[in-house]
Amino acid sequence: MPTPPQVTPTLRSQAPKLAQITEQVLFGDIWQRPQLSPRERSLATVASLVVLGRLEQLPFHLQLARDNGLTREELVELITHLAFYGGWPTAASALHCLEEE
């Protein structure tokens, strides 16, 4: 991930400190660490969001996962796999987010 994603204007205006931390710490430091590739970080992040049912954040991270080299088929397989660990409803909701992409 050469350029960290930018926070939304809404986040920047509503919570400037959270926007700053998101850019500098989350995407400027954590996502840049070499111990995991961006692709691996996307797998972990999407898996976490799916299992926790964090659907509002999922579309952004599904697109970031695609940008980081994951195919749609790999994401479908990941979500299918997670149905057995995080539950059917969370997997079905996640697939709905993937369809909207």
PDB file of N, CA and C in Angstrom:
ATOM      1  N   MET A   1       0.855  -1.169   0.000  1.00  0.00           N
ATOM      2  CA  MET A   1       0.000   0.000   0.000  1.00  0.00           C
ATOM      3  C   MET A   1       0.899   1.229   0.000  1.00  0.00           C
ATOM      4  N   PRO A   2       1.194   1.760  -1.161  1.00  0.00           N
ATOM      5  CA  PRO A   2       2.127   2.874  -1.252  1.00  0.00           C
ATOM      6  C   PRO A   2       1.619   4.161  -0.616  1.00  0.00           C
ATOM      7  N   THR A   3       0.369   4.523  -0.846  1.00  0.00           N
ATOM      8  CA  THR A   3      -0.189   5.750  -0.292  1.00  0.00           C
ATOM      9  C   THR A   3      -1.305   5.393   0.673  1.00  0.00           C
ATOM     10  N   PRO A   4      -1.200   5.812   1.923  1.00  0.00           N
ATOM     11  CA  PRO A   4      -2.267   5.500   2.872  1.00  0.00           C
ATOM     12  C   PRO A   4      -3.585   6.118   2.432  1.00  0.00           C
ATOM     13  N   PRO A   5      -4.689   5.410   2.662  1.00  0.00           N
ATOM     14  CA  PRO A   5      -5.998   5.977   2.329  1.00  0.00           C
ATOM     15  C   PRO A   5      -6.260   7.257   3.114  1.00  0.00           C
ATOM     16  N   GLN A   6      -7.030   8.123   2.537  1.00  0.00           N
ATOM     17  CA  GLN A   6      -7.399   9.366   3.200  1.00  0.00           C
ATOM     18  C   GLN A   6      -8.692   9.173   3.982  1.00  0.00           C
ATOM     19  N   VAL A   7      -8.812   9.862   5.091  1.00  0.00           N
ATOM     20  CA  VAL A   7     -10.057   9.807   5.846  1.00  0.00           C
ATOM     21  C   VAL A   7     -11.112  10.626   5.113  1.00  0.00           C
ATOM     22  N   THR A   8     -12.355  10.355   5.420  1.00  0.00           N
ATOM     23  CA  THR A   8     -13.443  11.071   4.761  1.00  0.00           C
ATOM     24  C   THR A   8     -13.525  12.505   5.279  1.00  0.00           C
ATOM     25  N   PRO A   9     -14.037  13.394   4.471  1.00  0.00           N
ATOM     26  CA  PRO A   9     -14.231  14.778   4.937  1.00  0.00           C
ATOM     27  C   PRO A   9     -15.149  14.834   6.167  1.00  0.00           C
ATOM     28  N   THR A  10     -16.138  13.957   6.223  1.00  0.00           N
ATOM     29  CA  THR A  10     -17.046  13.933   7.368  1.00  0.00           C
ATOM     30  C   THR A  10     -16.289  13.610   8.641  1.00  0.00           C
ATOM     31  N   LEU A  11     -15.448  12.572   8.592  1.00  0.00           N
ATOM     32  CA  LEU A  11     -14.654  12.223   9.775  1.00  0.00           C
ATOM     33  C   LEU A  11     -13.738  13.377  10.154  1.00  0.00           C
ATOM     34  N   ARG A  12     -13.124  13.985   9.153  1.00  0.00           N
ATOM     35  CA  ARG A  12     -12.198  15.085   9.423  1.00  0.00           C
ATOM     36  C   ARG A  12     -12.913  16.254  10.102  1.00  0.00           C
ATOM     37  N   SER A  13     -14.140  16.566   9.678  1.00  0.00           N
ATOM     38  CA  SER A  13     -14.839  17.708  10.275  1.00  0.00           C
ATOM     39  C   SER A  13     -15.475  17.352  11.623  1.00  0.00           C
ATOM     40  N   GLN A  14     -15.967  16.139  11.775  1.00  0.00           N
ATOM     41  CA  GLN A  14     -16.629  15.757  13.024  1.00  0.00           C
ATOM     42  C   GLN A  14     -15.653  15.395  14.127  1.00  0.00           C
ATOM     43  N   ALA A  15     -14.568  14.748  13.779  1.00  0.00           N
ATOM     44  CA  ALA A  15     -13.615  14.269  14.780  1.00  0.00           C
ATOM     45  C   ALA A  15     -12.196  14.444  14.251  1.00  0.00           C
ATOM     46  N   PRO A  16     -11.692  15.657  14.238  1.00  0.00           N
ATOM     47  CA  PRO A  16     -10.382  15.910  13.655  1.00  0.00           C
ATOM     48  C   PRO A  16      -9.259  15.093  14.296  1.00  0.00           C
ATOM     49  N   LYS A  17      -9.297  14.898  15.598  1.00  0.00           N
ATOM     50  CA  LYS A  17      -8.246  14.132  16.255  1.00  0.00           C
ATOM     51  C   LYS A  17      -8.290  12.667  15.810  1.00  0.00           C
ATOM     52  N   LEU A  18      -9.485  12.094  15.725  1.00  0.00           N
ATOM     53  CA  LEU A  18      -9.622  10.718  15.246  1.00  0.00           C
ATOM     54  C   LEU A  18      -9.120  10.608  13.811  1.00  0.00           C
ATOM     55  N   ALA A  19      -9.420  11.600  12.991  1.00  0.00           N
ATOM     56  CA  ALA A  19      -8.924  11.616  11.610  1.00  0.00           C
ATOM     57  C   ALA A  19      -7.399  11.651  11.592  1.00  0.00           C
ATOM     58  N   GLN A  20      -6.805  12.484  12.439  1.00  0.00           N
ATOM     59  CA  GLN A  20      -5.351  12.583  12.511  1.00  0.00           C
ATOM     60  C   GLN A  20      -4.735  11.254  12.946  1.00  0.00           C
ATOM     61  N   ILE A  21      -5.289  10.633  13.971  1.00  0.00           N
ATOM     62  CA  ILE A  21      -4.768   9.357  14.464  1.00  0.00           C
ATOM     63  C   ILE A  21      -4.934   8.265  13.404  1.00  0.00           C
ATOM     64  N   THR A  22      -6.060   8.283  12.723  1.00  0.00           N
ATOM     65  CA  THR A  22      -6.312   7.303  11.667  1.00  0.00           C
ATOM     66  C   THR A  22      -5.251   7.410  10.582  1.00  0.00           C
ATOM     67  N   GLU A  23      -4.986   8.627  10.138  1.00  0.00           N
ATOM     68  CA  GLU A  23      -3.989   8.824   9.075  1.00  0.00           C
ATOM     69  C   GLU A  23      -2.570   8.544   9.553  1.00  0.00           C
ATOM     70  N   GLN A  24      -2.204   9.096  10.705  1.00  0.00           N
ATOM     71  CA  GLN A  24      -0.810   8.998  11.148  1.00  0.00           C
ATOM     72  C   GLN A  24      -0.466   7.662  11.781  1.00  0.00           C
ATOM     73  N   VAL A  25      -1.339   7.147  12.635  1.00  0.00           N
ATOM     74  CA  VAL A  25      -1.008   5.920  13.357  1.00  0.00           C
ATOM     75  C   VAL A  25      -1.497   4.681  12.611  1.00  0.00           C
ATOM     76  N   LEU A  26      -2.800   4.622  12.338  1.00  0.00           N
ATOM     77  CA  LEU A  26      -3.346   3.415  11.721  1.00  0.00           C
ATOM     78  C   LEU A  26      -2.778   3.174  10.321  1.00  0.00           C
ATOM     79  N   PHE A  27      -2.996   4.145   9.420  1.00  0.00           N
ATOM     80  CA  PHE A  27      -2.546   3.936   8.039  1.00  0.00           C
ATOM     81  C   PHE A  27      -1.114   4.404   7.798  1.00  0.00           C
ATOM     82  N   GLY A  28      -0.625   5.345   8.592  1.00  0.00           N
ATOM     83  CA  GLY A  28       0.732   5.836   8.411  1.00  0.00           C
ATOM     84  C   GLY A  28       1.798   4.989   9.091  1.00  0.00           C
ATOM     85  N   ASP A  29       1.400   4.208  10.107  1.00  0.00           N
ATOM     86  CA  ASP A  29       2.357   3.377  10.835  1.00  0.00           C
ATOM     87  C   ASP A  29       1.965   1.900  10.784  1.00  0.00           C
ATOM     88  N   ILE A  30       0.854   1.552  11.389  1.00  0.00           N
ATOM     89  CA  ILE A  30       0.477   0.139  11.529  1.00  0.00           C
ATOM     90  C   ILE A  30       0.378  -0.560  10.171  1.00  0.00           C
ATOM     91  N   TRP A  31      -0.331   0.029   9.223  1.00  0.00           N
ATOM     92  CA  TRP A  31      -0.488  -0.599   7.907  1.00  0.00           C
ATOM     93  C   TRP A  31       0.812  -0.621   7.108  1.00  0.00           C
ATOM     94  N   GLN A  32       1.797   0.171   7.509  1.00  0.00           N
ATOM     95  CA  GLN A  32       3.064   0.244   6.773  1.00  0.00           C
ATOM     96  C   GLN A  32       4.135  -0.700   7.306  1.00  0.00           C
ATOM     97  N   ARG A  33       3.888  -1.337   8.434  1.00  0.00           N
ATOM     98  CA  ARG A  33       4.894  -2.218   9.032  1.00  0.00           C
ATOM     99  C   ARG A  33       5.167  -3.405   8.104  1.00  0.00           C
ATOM    100  N   PRO A  34       6.416  -3.802   7.945  1.00  0.00           N
ATOM    101  CA  PRO A  34       6.776  -4.821   6.957  1.00  0.00           C
ATOM    102  C   PRO A  34       6.500  -6.274   7.380  1.00  0.00           C
ATOM    103  N   GLN A  35       6.139  -6.505   8.628  1.00  0.00           N
ATOM    104  CA  GLN A  35       5.959  -7.884   9.092  1.00  0.00           C
ATOM    105  C   GLN A  35       4.771  -8.589   8.434  1.00  0.00           C
ATOM    106  N   LEU A  36       3.781  -7.822   7.999  1.00  0.00           N
ATOM    107  CA  LEU A  36       2.661  -8.361   7.221  1.00  0.00           C
ATOM    108  C   LEU A  36       2.530  -7.531   5.949  1.00  0.00           C
ATOM    109  N   SER A  37       2.201  -8.192   4.871  1.00  0.00           N
ATOM    110  CA  SER A  37       1.973  -7.467   3.617  1.00  0.00           C
ATOM    111  C   SER A  37       0.612  -6.756   3.694  1.00  0.00           C
ATOM    112  N   PRO A  38       0.399  -5.741   2.850  1.00  0.00           N
ATOM    113  CA  PRO A  38      -0.917  -5.114   2.805  1.00  0.00           C
ATOM    114  C   PRO A  38      -2.028  -6.128   2.519  1.00  0.00           C
ATOM    115  N   ARG A  39      -1.744  -7.114   1.677  1.00  0.00           N
ATOM    116  CA  ARG A  39      -2.728  -8.158   1.364  1.00  0.00           C
ATOM    117  C   ARG A  39      -3.090  -8.936   2.630  1.00  0.00           C
ATOM    118  N   GLU A  40      -2.078  -9.316   3.406  1.00  0.00           N
ATOM    119  CA  GLU A  40      -2.329 -10.053   4.646  1.00  0.00           C
ATOM    120  C   GLU A  40      -3.081  -9.188   5.655  1.00  0.00           C
ATOM    121  N   ARG A  41      -2.738  -7.926   5.733  1.00  0.00           N
ATOM    122  CA  ARG A  41      -3.448  -7.023   6.643  1.00  0.00           C
ATOM    123  C   ARG A  41      -4.905  -6.878   6.214  1.00  0.00           C
ATOM    124  N   SER A  42      -5.148  -6.824   4.923  1.00  0.00           N
ATOM    125  CA  SER A  42      -6.526  -6.743   4.445  1.00  0.00           C
ATOM    126  C   SER A  42      -7.311  -8.006   4.785  1.00  0.00           C
ATOM    127  N   LEU A  43      -6.691  -9.177   4.629  1.00  0.00           N
ATOM    128  CA  LEU A  43      -7.359 -10.422   5.014  1.00  0.00           C
ATOM    129  C   LEU A  43      -7.761 -10.395   6.482  1.00  0.00           C
ATOM    130  N   ALA A  44      -6.829  -9.998   7.335  1.00  0.00           N
ATOM    131  CA  ALA A  44      -7.109  -9.952   8.770  1.00  0.00           C
ATOM    132  C   ALA A  44      -8.189  -8.924   9.096  1.00  0.00           C
ATOM    133  N   THR A  45      -8.116  -7.777   8.454  1.00  0.00           N
ATOM    134  CA  THR A  45      -9.074  -6.707   8.728  1.00  0.00           C
ATOM    135  C   THR A  45     -10.466  -7.083   8.264  1.00  0.00           C
ATOM    136  N   VAL A  46     -10.586  -7.589   7.039  1.00  0.00           N
ATOM    137  CA  VAL A  46     -11.897  -7.998   6.533  1.00  0.00           C
ATOM    138  C   VAL A  46     -12.470  -9.112   7.404  1.00  0.00           C
ATOM    139  N   ALA A  47     -11.647 -10.079   7.778  1.00  0.00           N
ATOM    140  CA  ALA A  47     -12.122 -11.163   8.640  1.00  0.00           C
ATOM    141  C   ALA A  47     -12.652 -10.613   9.959  1.00  0.00           C
ATOM    142  N   SER A  48     -11.930  -9.691  10.557  1.00  0.00           N
ATOM    143  CA  SER A  48     -12.366  -9.104  11.825  1.00  0.00           C
ATOM    144  C   SER A  48     -13.678  -8.352  11.666  1.00  0.00           C
ATOM    145  N   LEU A  49     -13.773  -7.553  10.632  1.00  0.00           N
ATOM    146  CA  LEU A  49     -14.992  -6.770  10.420  1.00  0.00           C
ATOM    147  C   LEU A  49     -16.198  -7.665  10.158  1.00  0.00           C
ATOM    148  N   VAL A  50     -16.000  -8.733   9.383  1.00  0.00           N
ATOM    149  CA  VAL A  50     -17.097  -9.655   9.095  1.00  0.00           C
ATOM    150  C   VAL A  50     -17.570 -10.320  10.376  1.00  0.00           C
ATOM    151  N   VAL A  51     -16.654 -10.913  11.127  1.00  0.00           N
ATOM    152  CA  VAL A  51     -17.026 -11.668  12.326  1.00  0.00           C
ATOM    153  C   VAL A  51     -17.639 -10.758  13.387  1.00  0.00           C
ATOM    154  N   LEU A  52     -17.160  -9.532  13.481  1.00  0.00           N
ATOM    155  CA  LEU A  52     -17.707  -8.602  14.467  1.00  0.00           C
ATOM    156  C   LEU A  52     -18.968  -7.881  13.971  1.00  0.00           C
ATOM    157  N   GLY A  53     -19.311  -8.093  12.702  1.00  0.00           N
ATOM    158  CA  GLY A  53     -20.509  -7.459  12.156  1.00  0.00           C
ATOM    159  C   GLY A  53     -20.370  -5.963  11.975  1.00  0.00           C
ATOM    160  N   ARG A  54     -19.187  -5.493  11.694  1.00  0.00           N
ATOM    161  CA  ARG A  54     -18.936  -4.057  11.516  1.00  0.00           C
ATOM    162  C   ARG A  54     -19.163  -3.675  10.054  1.00  0.00           C
ATOM    163  N   LEU A  55     -20.414  -3.717   9.639  1.00  0.00           N
ATOM    164  CA  LEU A  55     -20.761  -3.557   8.228  1.00  0.00           C
ATOM    165  C   LEU A  55     -20.508  -2.156   7.687  1.00  0.00           C
ATOM    166  N   GLU A  56     -20.558  -1.139   8.533  1.00  0.00           N
ATOM    167  CA  GLU A  56     -20.325   0.219   8.033  1.00  0.00           C
ATOM    168  C   GLU A  56     -18.902   0.396   7.533  1.00  0.00           C
ATOM    169  N   GLN A  57     -17.956  -0.283   8.138  1.00  0.00           N
ATOM    170  CA  GLN A  57     -16.557  -0.174   7.743  1.00  0.00           C
ATOM    171  C   GLN A  57     -16.191  -1.152   6.629  1.00  0.00           C
ATOM    172  N   LEU A  58     -17.028  -2.158   6.426  1.00  0.00           N
ATOM    173  CA  LEU A  58     -16.693  -3.237   5.502  1.00  0.00           C
ATOM    174  C   LEU A  58     -16.536  -2.800   4.047  1.00  0.00           C
ATOM    175  N   PRO A  59     -17.423  -1.986   3.471  1.00  0.00           N
ATOM    176  CA  PRO A  59     -17.235  -1.612   2.059  1.00  0.00           C
ATOM    177  C   PRO A  59     -15.875  -0.964   1.779  1.00  0.00           C
ATOM    178  N   PHE A  60     -15.447  -0.069   2.648  1.00  0.00           N
ATOM    179  CA  PHE A  60     -14.141   0.568   2.469  1.00  0.00           C
ATOM    180  C   PHE A  60     -13.042  -0.482   2.466  1.00  0.00           C
ATOM    181  N   HIS A  61     -13.096  -1.421   3.418  1.00  0.00           N
ATOM    182  CA  HIS A  61     -12.026  -2.406   3.534  1.00  0.00           C
ATOM    183  C   HIS A  61     -12.122  -3.501   2.476  1.00  0.00           C
ATOM    184  N   LEU A  62     -13.307  -3.760   1.955  1.00  0.00           N
ATOM    185  CA  LEU A  62     -13.406  -4.684   0.818  1.00  0.00           C
ATOM    186  C   LEU A  62     -12.711  -4.080  -0.398  1.00  0.00           C
ATOM    187  N   GLN A  63     -12.929  -2.791  -0.626  1.00  0.00           N
ATOM    188  CA  GLN A  63     -12.257  -2.133  -1.753  1.00  0.00           C
ATOM    189  C   GLN A  63     -10.756  -2.060  -1.520  1.00  0.00           C
ATOM    190  N   LEU A  64     -10.347  -1.761  -0.291  1.00  0.00           N
ATOM    191  CA  LEU A  64      -8.920  -1.721   0.016  1.00  0.00           C
ATOM    192  C   LEU A  64      -8.295  -3.103  -0.187  1.00  0.00           C
ATOM    193  N   ALA A  65      -9.029  -4.147   0.185  1.00  0.00           N
ATOM    194  CA  ALA A  65      -8.542  -5.519  -0.030  1.00  0.00           C
ATOM    195  C   ALA A  65      -8.348  -5.786  -1.519  1.00  0.00           C
ATOM    196  N   ARG A  66      -9.282  -5.327  -2.326  1.00  0.00           N
ATOM    197  CA  ARG A  66      -9.146  -5.479  -3.784  1.00  0.00           C
ATOM    198  C   ARG A  66      -7.924  -4.713  -4.269  1.00  0.00           C
ATOM    199  N   ASP A  67      -7.750  -3.487  -3.763  1.00  0.00           N
ATOM    200  CA  ASP A  67      -6.585  -2.678  -4.134  1.00  0.00           C
ATOM    201  C   ASP A  67      -5.284  -3.348  -3.687  1.00  0.00           C
ATOM    202  N   ASN A  68      -5.356  -4.131  -2.616  1.00  0.00           N
ATOM    203  CA  ASN A  68      -4.179  -4.815  -2.080  1.00  0.00           C
ATOM    204  C   ASN A  68      -3.987  -6.212  -2.672  1.00  0.00           C
ATOM    205  N   GLY A  69      -4.721  -6.525  -3.740  1.00  0.00           N
ATOM    206  CA  GLY A  69      -4.457  -7.740  -4.491  1.00  0.00           C
ATOM    207  C   GLY A  69      -5.387  -8.913  -4.264  1.00  0.00           C
ATOM    208  N   LEU A  70      -6.364  -8.774  -3.387  1.00  0.00           N
ATOM    209  CA  LEU A  70      -7.318  -9.865  -3.197  1.00  0.00           C
ATOM    210  C   LEU A  70      -8.369  -9.821  -4.303  1.00  0.00           C
ATOM    211  N   THR A  71      -8.711 -10.978  -4.817  1.00  0.00           N
ATOM    212  CA  THR A  71      -9.738 -11.047  -5.853  1.00  0.00           C
ATOM    213  C   THR A  71     -11.111 -11.144  -5.207  1.00  0.00           C
ATOM    214  N   ARG A  72     -12.130 -10.861  -6.000  1.00  0.00           N
ATOM    215  CA  ARG A  72     -13.498 -11.014  -5.515  1.00  0.00           C
ATOM    216  C   ARG A  72     -13.737 -12.455  -5.072  1.00  0.00           C
ATOM    217  N   GLU A  73     -13.225 -13.403  -5.846  1.00  0.00           N
ATOM    218  CA  GLU A  73     -13.406 -14.822  -5.526  1.00  0.00           C
ATOM    219  C   GLU A  73     -12.750 -15.170  -4.185  1.00  0.00           C
ATOM    220  N   GLU A  74     -11.578 -14.606  -3.919  1.00  0.00           N
ATOM    221  CA  GLU A  74     -10.913 -14.848  -2.633  1.00  0.00           C
ATOM    222  C   GLU A  74     -11.713 -14.251  -1.476  1.00  0.00           C
ATOM    223  N   LEU A  75     -12.291 -13.081  -1.694  1.00  0.00           N
ATOM    224  CA  LEU A  75     -13.101 -12.463  -0.648  1.00  0.00           C
ATOM    225  C   LEU A  75     -14.372 -13.271  -0.388  1.00  0.00           C
ATOM    226  N   VAL A  76     -15.003 -13.771  -1.449  1.00  0.00           N
ATOM    227  CA  VAL A  76     -16.175 -14.635  -1.274  1.00  0.00           C
ATOM    228  C   VAL A  76     -15.788 -15.881  -0.494  1.00  0.00           C
ATOM    229  N   GLU A  77     -14.660 -16.471  -0.821  1.00  0.00           N
ATOM    230  CA  GLU A  77     -14.205 -17.673  -0.109  1.00  0.00           C
ATOM    231  C   GLU A  77     -13.899 -17.364   1.354  1.00  0.00           C
ATOM    232  N   LEU A  78     -13.283 -16.235   1.619  1.00  0.00           N
ATOM    233  CA  LEU A  78     -13.017 -15.826   2.995  1.00  0.00           C
ATOM    234  C   LEU A  78     -14.326 -15.693   3.775  1.00  0.00           C
ATOM    235  N   ILE A  79     -15.291 -15.018   3.200  1.00  0.00           N
ATOM    236  CA  ILE A  79     -16.574 -14.817   3.877  1.00  0.00           C
ATOM    237  C   ILE A  79     -17.289 -16.149   4.076  1.00  0.00           C
ATOM    238  N   THR A  80     -17.233 -17.029   3.090  1.00  0.00           N
ATOM    239  CA  THR A  80     -17.829 -18.363   3.227  1.00  0.00           C
ATOM    240  C   THR A  80     -17.171 -19.114   4.376  1.00  0.00           C
ATOM    241  N   HIS A  81     -15.873 -19.070   4.444  1.00  0.00           N
ATOM    242  CA  HIS A  81     -15.126 -19.725   5.524  1.00  0.00           C
ATOM    243  C   HIS A  81     -15.542 -19.154   6.881  1.00  0.00           C
ATOM    244  N   LEU A  82     -15.712 -17.845   6.945  1.00  0.00           N
ATOM    245  CA  LEU A  82     -16.053 -17.190   8.206  1.00  0.00           C
ATOM    246  C   LEU A  82     -17.468 -17.494   8.671  1.00  0.00           C
ATOM    247  N   ALA A  83     -18.331 -17.951   7.767  1.00  0.00           N
ATOM    248  CA  ALA A  83     -19.696 -18.300   8.175  1.00  0.00           C
ATOM    249  C   ALA A  83     -19.676 -19.358   9.272  1.00  0.00           C
ATOM    250  N   PHE A  84     -18.683 -20.210   9.277  1.00  0.00           N
ATOM    251  CA  PHE A  84     -18.601 -21.279  10.262  1.00  0.00           C
ATOM    252  C   PHE A  84     -17.980 -20.815  11.572  1.00  0.00           C
ATOM    253  N   TYR A  85     -17.351 -19.669  11.572  1.00  0.00           N
ATOM    254  CA  TYR A  85     -16.692 -19.163  12.771  1.00  0.00           C
ATOM    255  C   TYR A  85     -17.398 -17.938  13.344  1.00  0.00           C
ATOM    256  N   GLY A  86     -18.000 -17.151  12.486  1.00  0.00           N
ATOM    257  CA  GLY A  86     -18.654 -15.932  12.930  1.00  0.00           C
ATOM    258  C   GLY A  86     -20.160 -15.965  12.807  1.00  0.00           C
ATOM    259  N   GLY A  87     -20.680 -16.994  12.144  1.00  0.00           N
ATOM    260  CA  GLY A  87     -22.122 -17.146  12.008  1.00  0.00           C
ATOM    261  C   GLY A  87     -22.637 -16.807  10.627  1.00  0.00           C
ATOM    262  N   TRP A  88     -23.718 -17.491  10.304  1.00  0.00           N
ATOM    263  CA  TRP A  88     -24.348 -17.291   8.999  1.00  0.00           C
ATOM    264  C   TRP A  88     -24.823 -15.865   8.780  1.00  0.00           C
ATOM    265  N   PRO A  89     -25.508 -15.254   9.742  1.00  0.00           N
ATOM    266  CA  PRO A  89     -25.996 -13.890   9.489  1.00  0.00           C
ATOM    267  C   PRO A  89     -24.883 -12.901   9.174  1.00  0.00           C
ATOM    268  N   THR A  90     -23.760 -13.001   9.862  1.00  0.00           N
ATOM    269  CA  THR A  90     -22.670 -12.066   9.577  1.00  0.00           C
ATOM    270  C   THR A  90     -22.085 -12.311   8.192  1.00  0.00           C
ATOM    271  N   ALA A  91     -21.988 -13.567   7.791  1.00  0.00           N
ATOM    272  CA  ALA A  91     -21.463 -13.885   6.462  1.00  0.00           C
ATOM    273  C   ALA A  91     -22.422 -13.398   5.376  1.00  0.00           C
ATOM    274  N   ALA A  92     -23.715 -13.634   5.559  1.00  0.00           N
ATOM    275  CA  ALA A  92     -24.701 -13.190   4.568  1.00  0.00           C
ATOM    276  C   ALA A  92     -24.693 -11.671   4.436  1.00  0.00           C
ATOM    277  N   SER A  93     -24.587 -10.971   5.553  1.00  0.00           N
ATOM    278  CA  SER A  93     -24.532  -9.509   5.514  1.00  0.00           C
ATOM    279  C   SER A  93     -23.260  -9.028   4.826  1.00  0.00           C
ATOM    280  N   ALA A  94     -22.155  -9.696   5.082  1.00  0.00           N
ATOM    281  CA  ALA A  94     -20.889  -9.323   4.449  1.00  0.00           C
ATOM    282  C   ALA A  94     -20.942  -9.540   2.948  1.00  0.00           C
ATOM    283  N   LEU A  95     -21.543 -10.633   2.509  1.00  0.00           N
ATOM    284  CA  LEU A  95     -21.676 -10.889   1.073  1.00  0.00           C
ATOM    285  C   LEU A  95     -22.529  -9.805   0.417  1.00  0.00           C
ATOM    286  N   HIS A  96     -23.532  -9.349   1.134  1.00  0.00           N
ATOM    287  CA  HIS A  96     -24.367  -8.248   0.624  1.00  0.00           C
ATOM    288  C   HIS A  96     -23.499  -6.996   0.401  1.00  0.00           C
ATOM    289  N   CYS A  97     -22.599  -6.712   1.330  1.00  0.00           N
ATOM    290  CA  CYS A  97     -21.691  -5.566   1.169  1.00  0.00           C
ATOM    291  C   CYS A  97     -20.787  -5.752  -0.040  1.00  0.00           C
ATOM    292  N   LEU A  98     -20.318  -6.979  -0.250  1.00  0.00           N
ATOM    293  CA  LEU A  98     -19.449  -7.257  -1.381  1.00  0.00           C
ATOM    294  C   LEU A  98     -20.203  -7.073  -2.696  1.00  0.00           C
ATOM    295  N   GLU A  99     -21.458  -7.434  -2.731  1.00  0.00           N
ATOM    296  CA  GLU A  99     -22.272  -7.265  -3.949  1.00  0.00           C
ATOM    297  C   GLU A  99     -22.460  -5.791  -4.286  1.00  0.00           C
ATOM    298  N   GLU A 100     -22.533  -4.940  -3.272  1.00  0.00           N
ATOM    299  CA  GLU A 100     -22.742  -3.511  -3.506  1.00  0.00           C
ATOM    300  C   GLU A 100     -21.494  -2.807  -3.996  1.00  0.00           C
ATOM    301  N   GLU A 101     -20.363  -3.465  -3.920  1.00  0.00           N
ATOM    302  CA  GLU A 101     -19.082  -2.866  -4.301  1.00  0.00           C
ATOM    303  C   GLU A 101     -19.039  -2.616  -5.793  1.00  0.00           C
TER     304      GLU A 101
END
